[in-house]
Amino acid sequence: MATRSREKSAARKANADKRPRAIAKYIRIPSRKVHIVLDLIRGKSAGQALAILMNTPKAASPIVQKVLLSAIANAENNLDLSRETLIVAECFANQGPTLKRFHPRSRGQAFSIKKRSSHITVILDQAK
């Protein structure tokens, strides 16, 4: 049995991060490829980050752009923040589950193929 569950829940809510965020899970791009795009926008303003993502020819760019737009919408609708004052405070890509497949080769061998996925998180904050 859980003890003091109401108090623990209230403490968790009080210490929760209040910054607007958006998360995309199970994206079928390896996290090391997403890191390249996320490094371009970290610390930039929201408008500048969108402009960078629109002009970056990487496969992860449209997906990161979609997550960034979702985080901006969360900031405007849920927390009543202005779009012009938002900056990309944190953005990271964690490794998701890996699909393991096998490719048949000559002489009865099989080579393994690892199809990696990632979870992309974008956290915004107000410029000070």
Protein backbone atom coordinates (compact mmCIF):
# COMPACT_ATOMS: atom_id res chain seq x y z
CA MET A 1 0.00 0.00 0.00
CA ALA A 2 1.17 3.48 -0.82
CA THR A 3 1.64 5.76 2.14
CA ARG A 4 1.06 9.52 2.00
CA SER A 5 0.08 9.28 -1.68
CA ARG A 6 -1.88 12.57 -1.64
CA GLU A 7 1.03 14.46 -0.10
CA LYS A 8 3.50 12.93 -2.54
CA SER A 9 1.24 13.80 -5.48
CA ALA A 10 0.90 17.41 -4.30
CA ALA A 11 4.68 17.70 -3.86
CA ARG A 12 5.27 16.31 -7.35
CA LYS A 13 2.86 18.84 -8.85
CA ALA A 14 4.48 21.70 -6.93
CA ASN A 15 7.95 20.75 -8.18
CA ALA A 16 6.86 20.07 -11.77
CA ASP A 17 8.44 22.03 -14.60
CA LYS A 18 5.95 24.70 -15.76
CA ARG A 19 7.66 25.45 -19.08
CA PRO A 20 5.78 24.64 -22.31
CA ARG A 21 6.92 21.46 -24.01
CA ALA A 22 6.10 19.02 -26.78
CA ILE A 23 7.19 15.41 -27.19
CA ALA A 24 7.12 13.20 -30.29
CA LYS A 25 7.59 9.52 -29.51
CA TYR A 26 8.55 6.51 -31.62
CA ILE A 27 9.91 8.56 -34.53
CA ARG A 28 11.61 6.23 -37.01
CA ILE A 29 14.85 8.21 -37.30
CA PRO A 30 17.92 7.35 -35.20
CA SER A 31 18.54 9.78 -32.37
CA ARG A 32 22.11 10.51 -33.54
CA LYS A 33 20.67 11.95 -36.79
CA VAL A 34 18.11 14.02 -34.88
CA HIS A 35 20.85 15.44 -32.61
CA ILE A 36 22.43 17.17 -35.61
CA VAL A 37 19.23 19.14 -36.27
CA LEU A 38 18.52 19.84 -32.59
CA ASP A 39 21.99 21.34 -32.10
CA LEU A 40 21.16 23.96 -34.74
CA ILE A 41 18.11 25.35 -32.89
CA ARG A 42 19.11 25.05 -29.22
CA GLY A 43 19.10 28.49 -27.57
CA LYS A 44 17.54 30.31 -30.54
CA SER A 45 14.27 32.23 -30.54
CA ALA A 46 11.19 30.34 -31.73
CA GLY A 47 10.87 32.27 -34.99
CA GLN A 48 14.55 31.94 -35.78
CA ALA A 49 14.46 28.20 -35.01
CA LEU A 50 11.51 27.73 -37.39
CA ALA A 51 13.38 29.57 -40.14
CA ILE A 52 16.45 27.37 -39.60
CA LEU A 53 14.36 24.19 -39.72
CA MET A 54 12.58 25.23 -42.92
CA ASN A 55 15.92 25.63 -44.70
CA THR A 56 17.76 22.59 -43.33
CA PRO A 57 17.91 19.68 -45.80
CA LYS A 58 17.87 16.88 -43.23
CA ALA A 59 15.27 14.12 -42.86
CA ALA A 60 14.66 15.05 -39.22
CA SER A 61 13.96 18.74 -39.97
CA PRO A 62 10.22 18.46 -40.76
CA ILE A 63 9.62 16.30 -37.70
CA VAL A 64 11.50 18.65 -35.35
CA GLN A 65 9.64 21.57 -36.95
CA LYS A 66 6.32 19.88 -36.19
CA VAL A 67 7.34 19.30 -32.55
CA LEU A 68 8.49 22.93 -32.24
CA LEU A 69 5.18 24.21 -33.65
CA SER A 70 3.32 22.01 -31.17
CA ALA A 71 5.37 23.41 -28.27
CA ILE A 72 4.65 26.97 -29.48
CA ALA A 73 0.92 26.19 -29.66
CA ASN A 74 1.05 24.74 -26.14
CA ALA A 75 2.71 27.93 -24.89
CA GLU A 76 0.15 30.20 -26.56
CA ASN A 77 -3.00 28.25 -25.73
CA ASN A 78 -2.25 26.72 -22.33
CA LEU A 79 0.05 29.26 -20.68
CA ASP A 80 -0.93 32.50 -22.51
CA LEU A 81 2.63 33.28 -23.57
CA SER A 82 3.54 35.46 -26.53
CA ARG A 83 5.14 33.78 -29.54
CA GLU A 84 7.73 36.56 -29.93
CA THR A 85 9.18 36.07 -26.44
CA LEU A 86 9.73 32.30 -26.68
CA ILE A 87 13.16 30.70 -26.96
CA VAL A 88 14.17 27.05 -27.30
CA ALA A 89 15.45 26.38 -23.79
CA GLU A 90 16.06 22.65 -24.13
CA CYS A 91 15.74 20.13 -26.90
CA PHE A 92 16.93 16.55 -26.89
CA ALA A 93 16.34 13.20 -28.55
CA ASN A 94 16.31 10.06 -26.46
CA GLN A 95 16.71 6.63 -27.96
CA GLY A 96 13.46 4.76 -28.54
CA PRO A 97 12.91 1.05 -29.13
CA THR A 98 14.94 -0.69 -31.80
CA LEU A 99 13.31 -2.96 -34.37
CA LYS A 100 15.58 -5.94 -35.01
CA ARG A 101 15.41 -7.45 -38.48
CA PHE A 102 17.56 -10.02 -40.29
CA HIS A 103 18.78 -9.92 -43.86
CA PRO A 104 19.67 -13.26 -45.48
CA ARG A 105 23.19 -13.51 -46.89
CA SER A 106 25.09 -16.12 -48.82
CA ARG A 107 25.93 -19.60 -47.46
CA GLY A 108 23.05 -19.58 -44.98
CA GLN A 109 24.21 -16.60 -43.02
CA ALA A 110 22.01 -13.79 -41.72
CA PHE A 111 23.07 -10.23 -40.96
CA SER A 112 21.15 -8.25 -38.37
CA ILE A 113 19.61 -4.88 -39.21
CA LYS A 114 18.77 -2.52 -36.35
CA LYS A 115 16.06 -0.01 -37.22
CA ARG A 116 16.40 2.61 -34.52
CA SER A 117 13.79 5.08 -33.33
CA SER A 118 13.82 8.13 -31.08
CA HIS A 119 11.74 10.28 -28.76
CA ILE A 120 12.11 14.01 -29.50
CA THR A 121 11.45 16.63 -26.79
CA VAL A 122 11.39 20.42 -27.22
CA ILE A 123 11.07 22.66 -24.14
CA LEU A 124 10.50 26.39 -24.57
CA ASP A 125 10.98 29.28 -22.16
CA GLN A 126 10.40 33.02 -22.12
CA ALA A 127 13.30 35.28 -23.01
CA LYS A 128 14.42 37.32 -20.05
